[in-house]
Protein backbone atom coordinates (compact mmCIF):
# COMPACT_ATOMS: atom_id res chain seq x y z
CA UNK A 1 16.00 -9.46 -6.88
CA UNK A 2 17.53 -11.23 -3.93
CA UNK A 3 18.09 -14.98 -4.23
CA UNK A 4 16.53 -16.06 -0.93
CA UNK A 5 14.28 -19.12 -0.95
CA UNK A 6 11.09 -17.12 -0.36
CA UNK A 7 12.09 -13.91 -2.12
CA UNK A 8 10.47 -14.80 -5.43
CA UNK A 9 7.19 -14.93 -3.55
CA UNK A 10 7.48 -12.41 -0.72
CA UNK A 11 10.13 -10.02 -2.05
CA UNK A 12 8.94 -9.70 -5.63
CA UNK A 13 9.00 -6.55 -7.70
CA UNK A 14 11.47 -3.68 -8.03
CA UNK A 15 11.41 -2.48 -4.42
CA UNK A 16 13.35 -5.47 -3.06
CA UNK A 17 16.58 -4.53 -4.81
CA UNK A 18 16.18 -0.88 -3.83
CA UNK A 19 16.18 -1.76 -0.12
CA UNK A 20 18.92 -4.38 -0.24
CA UNK A 21 22.30 -4.16 1.47
CA UNK A 22 24.08 -2.60 -1.51
CA UNK A 23 21.37 0.04 -1.82
CA UNK A 24 21.83 0.94 1.84
CA UNK A 25 25.61 1.18 1.54
CA UNK A 26 25.25 3.37 -1.53
CA UNK A 27 22.78 5.60 0.29
CA UNK A 28 25.22 5.99 3.20
CA UNK A 29 27.98 6.83 0.76
CA UNK A 30 25.67 9.28 -0.98
CA UNK A 31 25.33 11.04 2.38
CA UNK A 32 29.10 11.21 2.82
CA UNK A 33 29.63 12.52 -0.72
CA UNK A 34 26.88 15.10 -0.34
CA UNK A 35 28.21 16.14 3.07
CA UNK A 36 31.64 16.78 1.57
CA UNK A 37 30.20 18.78 -1.31
CA UNK A 38 27.90 20.73 1.01
CA UNK A 39 30.81 21.49 3.35
CA UNK A 40 32.86 22.74 0.43
CA UNK A 41 29.99 24.91 -0.78
CA UNK A 42 29.74 26.42 2.70
CA UNK A 43 33.50 27.08 2.78
CA UNK A 44 34.18 24.55 5.50
CA UNK A 45 36.49 22.23 3.53
CA UNK A 46 38.52 22.67 0.31
CA UNK A 47 36.78 21.91 -2.98
CA UNK A 48 39.44 19.41 -4.00
CA UNK A 49 38.88 17.46 -0.79
CA UNK A 50 35.16 17.22 -1.51
CA UNK A 51 35.83 15.97 -5.02
CA UNK A 52 38.27 13.38 -3.71
CA UNK A 53 35.77 12.12 -1.15
CA UNK A 54 32.95 11.97 -3.67
CA UNK A 55 35.13 9.94 -6.02
CA UNK A 56 35.46 7.19 -3.40
CA UNK A 57 31.74 6.87 -2.68
CA UNK A 58 30.86 3.89 -4.88
CA UNK A 59 29.22 0.96 -3.11
CA UNK A 60 30.64 -1.61 -5.53
CA UNK A 61 34.12 -0.85 -4.16
CA UNK A 62 33.22 -1.97 -0.62
CA UNK A 63 32.96 -5.38 1.00
CA UNK A 64 29.43 -5.30 2.40
CA UNK A 65 29.77 -8.51 4.37
CA UNK A 66 32.89 -7.18 6.08
CA UNK A 67 31.14 -3.92 6.93
CA UNK A 68 28.30 -5.88 8.47
CA UNK A 69 30.65 -7.99 10.52
CA UNK A 70 32.58 -4.95 11.74
CA UNK A 71 29.35 -3.13 12.67
CA UNK A 72 29.16 -5.08 15.91
CA UNK A 73 32.14 -3.17 17.21
CA UNK A 74 30.31 0.14 17.60
CA UNK A 75 26.74 -1.05 17.12
CA UNK A 76 26.07 0.18 13.58
CA UNK A 77 27.56 -0.12 10.08
CA UNK A 78 28.24 3.60 9.59
CA UNK A 79 31.41 3.57 11.66
CA UNK A 80 33.19 0.84 9.68
CA UNK A 81 32.06 2.44 6.43
CA UNK A 82 33.44 5.83 7.40
CA UNK A 83 36.72 4.23 8.45
CA UNK A 84 36.98 2.39 5.13
CA UNK A 85 36.07 5.52 3.16
CA UNK A 86 38.68 7.53 5.03
CA UNK A 87 41.32 4.94 4.20
CA UNK A 88 40.47 5.16 0.49
CA UNK A 89 40.61 8.94 0.24
CA UNK A 90 43.91 10.66 -0.55
CA UNK A 91 45.74 11.77 2.61
CA UNK A 92 45.13 15.49 2.01
CA UNK A 93 41.33 14.92 2.06
CA UNK A 94 41.05 12.12 4.61
CA UNK A 95 40.69 14.50 7.54
CA UNK A 96 37.55 15.99 6.03
CA UNK A 97 35.57 12.75 5.73
CA UNK A 98 32.39 12.70 7.85
CA UNK A 99 33.20 16.13 9.29
CA UNK A 100 30.58 17.26 11.82
CA UNK A 101 28.39 14.19 11.40
CA UNK A 102 27.58 11.22 13.61
CA UNK A 103 26.67 7.65 12.73
CA UNK A 104 22.95 8.29 13.16
CA UNK A 105 23.12 11.14 10.65
CA UNK A 106 24.50 8.70 8.10
CA UNK A 107 22.03 5.91 8.70
CA UNK A 108 18.91 8.05 9.18
CA UNK A 109 19.63 9.98 6.00
CA UNK A 110 20.35 6.72 4.20
CA UNK A 111 16.98 5.46 5.45
CA UNK A 112 15.30 8.50 3.91
CA UNK A 113 17.11 8.00 0.61
CA UNK A 114 16.35 4.29 0.49
CA UNK A 115 12.72 5.01 1.36
CA UNK A 116 12.47 7.71 -1.30
CA UNK A 117 13.83 5.44 -4.01
CA UNK A 118 11.69 2.52 -2.90
CA UNK A 119 8.54 4.64 -2.76
CA UNK A 120 9.16 5.89 -6.28
CA UNK A 121 9.18 2.31 -7.58
CA UNK A 122 6.27 1.30 -5.38
CA UNK A 123 4.29 4.31 -6.57
CA UNK A 124 4.77 3.33 -10.21
CA UNK A 125 3.27 -0.10 -9.54
CA UNK A 126 0.48 1.39 -7.44
CA UNK A 127 -0.35 3.91 -10.17
CA UNK A 128 -0.58 1.07 -12.69
CA UNK A 129 -3.00 -0.70 -10.34
CA UNK A 130 -5.16 2.42 -10.15
CA UNK A 131 -5.19 2.77 -13.93
CA UNK A 132 -6.33 -0.83 -14.34
CA UNK A 133 -8.99 -0.46 -11.66
CA UNK A 134 -10.36 2.63 -13.39
CA UNK A 135 -10.61 0.62 -16.60
CA UNK A 136 -12.48 -2.15 -14.81
CA UNK A 137 -14.84 0.32 -13.15
CA UNK A 138 -15.73 1.87 -16.47
CA UNK A 139 -15.94 -1.38 -18.43
CA UNK A 140 -18.19 -3.14 -15.93
CA UNK A 141 -20.29 -0.21 -14.76
CA UNK A 142 -23.44 -2.00 -15.89
CA UNK A 143 -22.47 -5.54 -14.88
CA UNK A 144 -24.78 -6.47 -12.05
CA UNK A 145 -23.63 -8.79 -9.29
CA UNK A 146 -24.66 -9.71 -5.78
CA UNK A 147 -23.61 -7.37 -3.06
CA UNK A 148 -22.37 -9.27 -0.04
CA UNK A 149 -22.73 -8.44 3.64
CA UNK A 150 -21.14 -10.68 6.28
CA UNK A 151 -20.36 -13.08 3.39
CA UNK A 152 -24.06 -13.46 2.58
CA UNK A 153 -25.84 -12.14 -0.51
CA UNK A 154 -27.22 -8.64 -0.07
CA UNK A 155 -28.88 -6.18 -2.50
CA UNK A 156 -27.24 -6.01 -5.93
CA UNK A 157 -24.26 -3.89 -6.90
CA UNK A 158 -22.20 -3.81 -10.05
CA UNK A 159 -18.72 -5.11 -10.65
CA UNK A 160 -17.88 -1.61 -11.83
CA UNK A 161 -18.84 -0.22 -8.43
CA UNK A 162 -16.77 -2.93 -6.75
CA UNK A 163 -13.74 -1.94 -8.83
CA UNK A 164 -14.40 1.74 -8.09
CA UNK A 165 -14.33 0.91 -4.37
CA UNK A 166 -11.01 -0.83 -4.84
CA UNK A 167 -9.76 2.20 -6.74
CA UNK A 168 -10.65 4.47 -3.83
CA UNK A 169 -8.33 2.61 -1.48
CA UNK A 170 -5.46 2.66 -3.96
CA UNK A 171 -5.91 6.38 -4.66
CA UNK A 172 -5.90 7.13 -0.94
CA UNK A 173 -2.65 5.19 -0.58
CA UNK A 174 -1.14 7.09 -3.51
CA UNK A 175 -2.10 10.39 -1.94
CA UNK A 176 -0.44 9.42 1.31
CA UNK A 177 2.72 8.23 -0.39
CA UNK A 178 2.93 11.45 -2.41
CA UNK A 179 2.62 13.50 0.76
CA UNK A 180 5.39 11.52 2.45
CA UNK A 181 7.67 11.77 -0.58
CA UNK A 182 7.05 15.46 -1.04
CA UNK A 183 7.26 16.71 2.53
CA UNK A 184 8.38 14.20 5.13
CA UNK A 185 11.57 12.58 3.84
CA UNK A 186 14.18 14.84 5.37
CA UNK A 187 17.93 14.82 5.73
CA UNK A 188 19.29 14.05 9.18
CA UNK A 189 22.23 16.16 10.28
CA UNK A 190 22.80 17.08 13.90
CA UNK A 191 26.16 15.74 14.96
CA UNK A 192 26.69 14.16 18.34
CA UNK A 193 23.68 15.64 20.19
CA UNK A 194 21.84 17.69 17.59
CA UNK A 195 23.79 20.95 17.89
CA UNK A 196 26.33 20.62 15.04
CA UNK A 197 28.82 22.19 17.44
CA UNK A 198 31.76 20.63 15.59
CA UNK A 199 31.08 22.88 12.60
CA UNK A 200 31.59 26.05 14.67
CA UNK A 201 28.69 28.09 13.42
CA UNK A 202 28.58 26.61 9.92
CA UNK A 203 26.06 23.91 10.77
CA UNK A 204 22.95 25.46 9.21
CA UNK A 205 24.60 26.41 5.88
CA UNK A 206 25.99 22.89 5.57
CA UNK A 207 22.60 21.40 6.48
CA UNK A 208 20.86 23.45 3.79
CA UNK A 209 23.39 22.48 1.13
CA UNK A 210 23.27 18.84 2.23
CA UNK A 211 19.50 18.71 1.81
CA UNK A 212 19.77 20.36 -1.59
CA UNK A 213 22.42 17.93 -2.82
CA UNK A 214 20.42 14.88 -1.72
CA UNK A 215 17.01 16.11 -2.86
CA UNK A 216 15.56 15.66 0.62
CA UNK A 217 13.60 18.11 2.75
CA UNK A 218 15.52 20.36 5.12
CA UNK A 219 14.18 19.78 8.64
CA UNK A 220 13.64 22.61 11.08
CA UNK A 221 15.99 20.85 13.47
CA UNK A 222 17.60 17.41 13.79
CA UNK A 223 15.16 14.59 14.49
CA UNK A 224 17.45 12.06 16.16
CA UNK A 225 14.89 11.25 18.84
CA UNK A 226 11.75 12.74 17.29
CA UNK A 227 10.64 9.84 15.11
CA UNK A 228 7.41 11.06 13.56
CA UNK A 229 8.92 10.76 10.08
CA UNK A 230 9.54 7.06 10.54
CA UNK A 231 6.07 6.63 12.02
CA UNK A 232 4.48 8.38 9.05
CA UNK A 233 6.37 6.22 6.58
CA UNK A 234 5.24 3.15 8.50
CA UNK A 235 1.64 4.36 8.50
CA UNK A 236 1.65 5.07 4.77
CA UNK A 237 3.05 1.63 3.99
CA UNK A 238 0.59 -0.02 6.36
CA UNK A 239 -2.27 1.86 4.70
CA UNK A 240 -1.06 0.74 1.29
CA UNK A 241 -0.93 -2.88 2.39
CA UNK A 242 -4.42 -2.54 3.81
CA UNK A 243 -5.73 -1.37 0.43
CA UNK A 244 -3.93 -4.22 -1.32
CA UNK A 245 -5.16 -6.81 1.18
CA UNK A 246 -8.78 -5.74 0.79
CA UNK A 247 -8.66 -6.13 -2.99
CA UNK A 248 -6.76 -9.40 -2.83
CA UNK A 249 -9.20 -10.82 -0.27
CA UNK A 250 -12.19 -9.88 -2.41
CA UNK A 251 -10.64 -11.44 -5.50
CA UNK A 252 -9.75 -14.70 -3.78
CA UNK A 253 -13.31 -14.97 -2.47
CA UNK A 254 -14.90 -14.13 -5.81
CA UNK A 255 -12.63 -16.68 -7.50
CA UNK A 256 -13.77 -19.57 -5.29
CA UNK A 257 -15.08 -22.56 -7.24
CA UNK A 258 -18.60 -22.11 -5.87
CA UNK A 259 -18.67 -18.42 -6.86
CA UNK A 260 -16.32 -18.20 -9.88
CA UNK A 261 -17.21 -14.64 -10.73
CA UNK A 262 -13.60 -13.67 -11.46
CA UNK A 263 -10.44 -15.56 -12.35
CA UNK A 264 -6.80 -14.92 -13.08
CA UNK A 265 -5.62 -15.86 -16.54
CA UNK A 266 -1.88 -16.04 -16.21
CA UNK A 267 0.79 -17.72 -18.30
CA UNK A 268 0.89 -21.53 -18.55
CA UNK A 269 1.72 -23.11 -15.21
CA UNK A 270 0.63 -20.17 -13.05
CA UNK A 271 -1.86 -20.99 -10.34
CA UNK A 272 -1.21 -24.70 -10.41
CA UNK A 273 -0.95 -27.15 -7.53
CA UNK A 274 1.70 -29.68 -6.58
CA UNK A 275 -1.04 -32.23 -5.86
CA UNK A 276 -4.26 -31.34 -7.66
CA UNK A 277 -4.00 -31.13 -11.46
CA UNK A 278 -7.33 -29.34 -11.79
CA UNK A 279 -6.39 -26.35 -9.63
CA UNK A 280 -6.17 -22.85 -11.10
CA UNK A 281 -5.46 -20.73 -8.07
CA UNK A 282 -5.60 -16.91 -8.25
CA UNK A 283 -1.96 -17.06 -7.27
CA UNK A 284 -1.10 -13.40 -7.75
CA UNK A 285 -3.95 -12.33 -5.49
CA UNK A 286 -2.87 -14.94 -2.95
CA UNK A 287 0.71 -13.64 -2.96
CA UNK A 288 -0.46 -10.03 -2.74
CA UNK A 289 -2.46 -10.94 0.35
CA UNK A 290 0.45 -12.92 1.80
CA UNK A 291 2.93 -10.09 1.32
CA UNK A 292 0.53 -7.48 2.70
CA UNK A 293 -0.11 -9.57 5.81
CA UNK A 294 3.36 -8.76 7.13
CA UNK A 295 2.61 -5.06 7.43
CA UNK A 296 0.62 -4.78 10.69
CA UNK A 297 3.30 -6.38 12.83
CA UNK A 298 6.10 -4.39 11.20
CA UNK A 299 4.18 -1.13 11.56
CA UNK A 300 3.55 -1.93 15.20
CA UNK A 301 7.25 -2.58 15.78
CA UNK A 302 8.23 0.76 14.26
CA UNK A 303 5.63 2.62 16.28
CA UNK A 304 6.61 0.88 19.48
CA UNK A 305 10.24 1.87 18.91
CA UNK A 306 9.37 5.57 18.70
CA UNK A 307 10.16 6.36 22.34
CA UNK A 308 13.75 7.57 21.91
CA UNK A 309 15.22 8.93 25.12
CA UNK A 310 17.18 12.18 25.52
CA UNK A 311 19.29 13.27 22.50
CA UNK A 312 20.29 9.81 21.23
CA UNK A 313 18.52 6.54 21.94
CA UNK A 314 19.94 3.30 23.28
CA UNK A 315 18.30 0.50 21.32
CA UNK A 316 15.13 2.11 20.03
CA UNK A 317 16.95 3.55 17.02
CA UNK A 318 18.59 0.22 16.26
CA UNK A 319 15.21 -1.52 16.50
CA UNK A 320 13.94 0.42 13.48
CA UNK A 321 16.37 -0.75 10.83
CA UNK A 322 15.21 -4.25 10.02
CA UNK A 323 11.43 -3.69 10.28
CA UNK A 324 11.69 -0.62 8.05
CA UNK A 325 13.50 -2.62 5.39
CA UNK A 326 11.07 -5.52 5.72
CA UNK A 327 8.05 -3.22 5.57
CA UNK A 328 9.29 -1.53 2.41
CA UNK A 329 10.09 -4.90 0.86
CA UNK A 330 6.78 -6.50 1.84
CA UNK A 331 4.74 -3.53 0.66
CA UNK A 332 6.62 -3.45 -2.63
CA UNK A 333 5.94 -7.16 -3.08
CA UNK A 334 2.26 -6.77 -2.21
CA UNK A 335 1.74 -3.97 -4.72
CA UNK A 336 3.74 -5.82 -7.37
CA UNK A 337 1.56 -8.90 -7.03
CA UNK A 338 -1.61 -6.82 -7.04
CA UNK A 339 -0.51 -5.30 -10.33
CA UNK A 340 0.10 -8.76 -11.76
CA UNK A 341 -3.26 -9.94 -10.45
CA UNK A 342 -5.18 -7.04 -11.98
CA UNK A 343 -3.45 -7.49 -15.32
CA UNK A 344 -4.55 -11.14 -15.29
CA UNK A 345 -8.02 -10.55 -13.87
CA UNK A 346 -11.03 -11.62 -15.91
CA UNK A 347 -14.64 -11.05 -14.87
CA UNK A 348 -17.51 -13.41 -15.76
CA UNK A 349 -20.72 -11.33 -16.06
CA UNK A 350 -22.83 -14.40 -16.84
CA UNK A 351 -21.69 -16.13 -13.69
CA UNK A 352 -22.33 -12.97 -11.69
CA UNK A 353 -25.89 -12.86 -12.96
CA UNK A 354 -26.41 -16.58 -12.39
CA UNK A 355 -25.28 -16.27 -8.77
CA UNK A 356 -27.56 -13.30 -8.35
CA UNK A 357 -30.53 -15.30 -9.61
CA UNK A 358 -29.84 -18.43 -7.53
CA UNK A 359 -31.91 -17.32 -4.56
CA UNK A 360 -34.95 -16.40 -6.60
CA UNK A 361 -35.22 -12.82 -5.39
CA UNK A 362 -34.91 -12.57 -1.58
CA UNK A 363 -31.95 -10.22 -1.83
CA UNK A 364 -34.37 -7.72 -3.42
CA UNK A 365 -36.64 -7.89 -0.37
CA UNK A 366 -35.56 -4.43 0.70
CA UNK A 367 -36.75 -3.07 -2.65
CA UNK A 368 -40.21 -4.60 -2.11
CA UNK A 369 -40.55 -3.29 1.45
CA UNK A 370 -39.53 0.24 0.44
CA UNK A 371 -42.02 0.24 -2.42
CA UNK A 372 -44.72 -1.07 -0.12
CA UNK A 373 -44.14 1.82 2.27
CA UNK A 374 -44.27 4.28 -0.59
CA UNK A 375 -47.43 3.10 -2.36
CA UNK A 376 -49.33 2.62 0.92
CA UNK A 377 -48.78 6.31 1.73
CA UNK A 378 -47.91 5.54 5.31
CA UNK A 379 -50.54 2.89 5.94
CA UNK A 380 -47.72 0.34 6.17
CA UNK A 381 -44.73 1.60 8.13
CA UNK A 382 -41.09 0.69 7.63
CA UNK A 383 -40.94 -1.94 10.36
CA UNK A 384 -44.24 -3.58 9.38
CA UNK A 385 -43.28 -3.64 5.71
CA UNK A 386 -39.98 -5.27 6.53
CA UNK A 387 -41.60 -7.87 8.75
CA UNK A 388 -44.22 -8.76 6.13
CA UNK A 389 -41.67 -9.20 3.37
CA UNK A 390 -39.31 -11.14 5.67
CA UNK A 391 -42.13 -13.56 6.53
CA UNK A 392 -42.77 -14.21 2.85
CA UNK A 393 -39.04 -14.79 2.26
CA UNK A 394 -38.98 -17.42 5.01
CA UNK A 395 -42.03 -19.23 3.64
CA UNK A 396 -41.33 -19.09 -0.08
CA UNK A 397 -39.15 -21.45 -2.09
CA UNK A 398 -36.41 -20.18 -4.40
CA UNK A 399 -38.77 -19.82 -7.35
CA UNK A 400 -42.03 -18.63 -5.85
CA UNK A 401 -41.20 -15.53 -3.82
CA UNK A 402 -43.16 -13.28 -6.15
CA UNK A 403 -46.23 -15.48 -5.74
CA UNK A 404 -45.86 -15.52 -1.95
CA UNK A 405 -45.56 -11.75 -1.83
CA UNK A 406 -48.59 -11.24 -4.08
CA UNK A 407 -50.63 -13.67 -1.97
CA UNK A 408 -49.97 -11.80 1.26
CA UNK A 409 -53.13 -9.94 2.28
CA UNK A 410 -51.40 -6.66 3.07
CA UNK A 411 -48.73 -6.69 0.37
CA UNK A 412 -51.17 -7.86 -2.30
CA UNK A 413 -53.49 -4.99 -1.44
CA UNK A 414 -50.92 -2.46 -2.66
CA UNK A 415 -48.69 -4.39 -5.10
CA UNK A 416 -49.86 -6.71 -7.88
CA UNK A 417 -47.92 -9.70 -9.20
CA UNK A 418 -46.53 -7.81 -12.20
CA UNK A 419 -45.18 -4.96 -10.09
CA UNK A 420 -43.65 -7.38 -7.61
CA UNK A 421 -41.81 -9.14 -10.45
CA UNK A 422 -40.45 -5.79 -11.58
CA UNK A 423 -39.27 -5.03 -8.05
CA UNK A 424 -37.40 -8.35 -7.92
CA UNK A 425 -35.36 -7.50 -11.01
CA UNK A 426 -31.80 -6.72 -9.79
CA UNK A 427 -31.00 -4.12 -12.43
CA UNK A 428 -33.82 -1.96 -11.12
CA UNK A 429 -32.32 -1.57 -7.66
CA UNK A 430 -28.84 -0.15 -8.16
CA UNK A 431 -29.49 3.26 -6.67
CA UNK A 432 -26.63 5.69 -7.26
CA UNK A 433 -24.12 3.03 -8.30
CA UNK A 434 -23.43 4.56 -11.70
CA UNK A 435 -23.02 8.04 -10.30
CA UNK A 436 -20.64 6.77 -7.63
CA UNK A 437 -18.56 5.13 -10.37
CA UNK A 438 -18.51 8.36 -12.36
CA UNK A 439 -17.46 10.27 -9.25
CA UNK A 440 -14.62 7.82 -8.58
CA UNK A 441 -13.43 8.04 -12.18
CA UNK A 442 -13.58 11.83 -12.20
CA UNK A 443 -11.59 11.91 -8.97
CA UNK A 444 -8.95 9.64 -10.47
CA UNK A 445 -8.79 11.60 -13.71
CA UNK A 446 -8.34 14.83 -11.77
CA UNK A 447 -5.09 13.43 -10.38
CA UNK A 448 -3.68 12.66 -13.79
């Protein structure tokens, strides 16, 4: 992990190290080593030259700060790195370093490698989140709680269904990440203007070998100024952060003192306050939300930079580097903290039921109106039934809704006091909740 002041909070988890400066330099050197080996395999350079070049492609041997400082000279760090690599290689092989490539080939391919490695780590954390959510969905399938619409109590749901809904967002993010990793992370190799003219007819064989060596997809043609791959990576990471943010927001709301339906039980000292000794904040959920909140702006920056002119762009390409790194880092941090949060998460079924019972039944009003329509056989229509029940809800106190409903001339004609009490029982109005949970769990299991 980096040692920045805020990194323990906003750059947590394994992804941060995988997108750091050393990781980028190693990815650029991996390109140069693979290019040499691919060129040798295609008969373009001698085998011994490729071996010599590969031997010098170790990031720990390079001064990263110096490379960064020298990058200003040509506008990117690939040039200084290639110059330094060439100086390290034995004289007989030096002339074959970076043969046929351009700086953008190096950095774009490095971006794909860094992204691939980061997504692998991010996916592991995201998969762990999905596994935990599936456990919660199954464990709490019968735990009734208030549904909430516009932050107000609505008809009942179960905590299992809530967790299953969270699982759906995580699974969708996993699917998108798997698609990106499997199909859209491609090597970049086009030379100065995307023709590979410097390789004199050997460009495609070298490209194919280069992709094979690096474990990246082989593109149909160079994508120097066709940036859909970057846009898709950005979209997948933004989608992931959206799924994380939704879960984290729900948890922070459910953990409020007045609601207290869930809590985080972390190690001693976690969730504390510098001022208030009583505080037990759901800190992991808070940090997941905070990390995820960076994504929309970073995604927008990457999308807005997609207009690359002609064969090589002036500025738009450069504008991608930092937001891509930050988006990978922020998403990795968000997913890391969500995993921590879910590992710590504890539900309180008794509190859920108590909150459900606080209003004395109005959130089951829909159940009463639907039953009234049914048993009246059309004598009371949907709108009239809703209006009658709503009037009783407005008039009744928190403990006498059933009496008010039974006393209504129209409602009482079709529903007696006993039946009304049954209709106001939350566990009797869960619809297809259990089947939806089973469907979500089956869908998740099918991916395993």
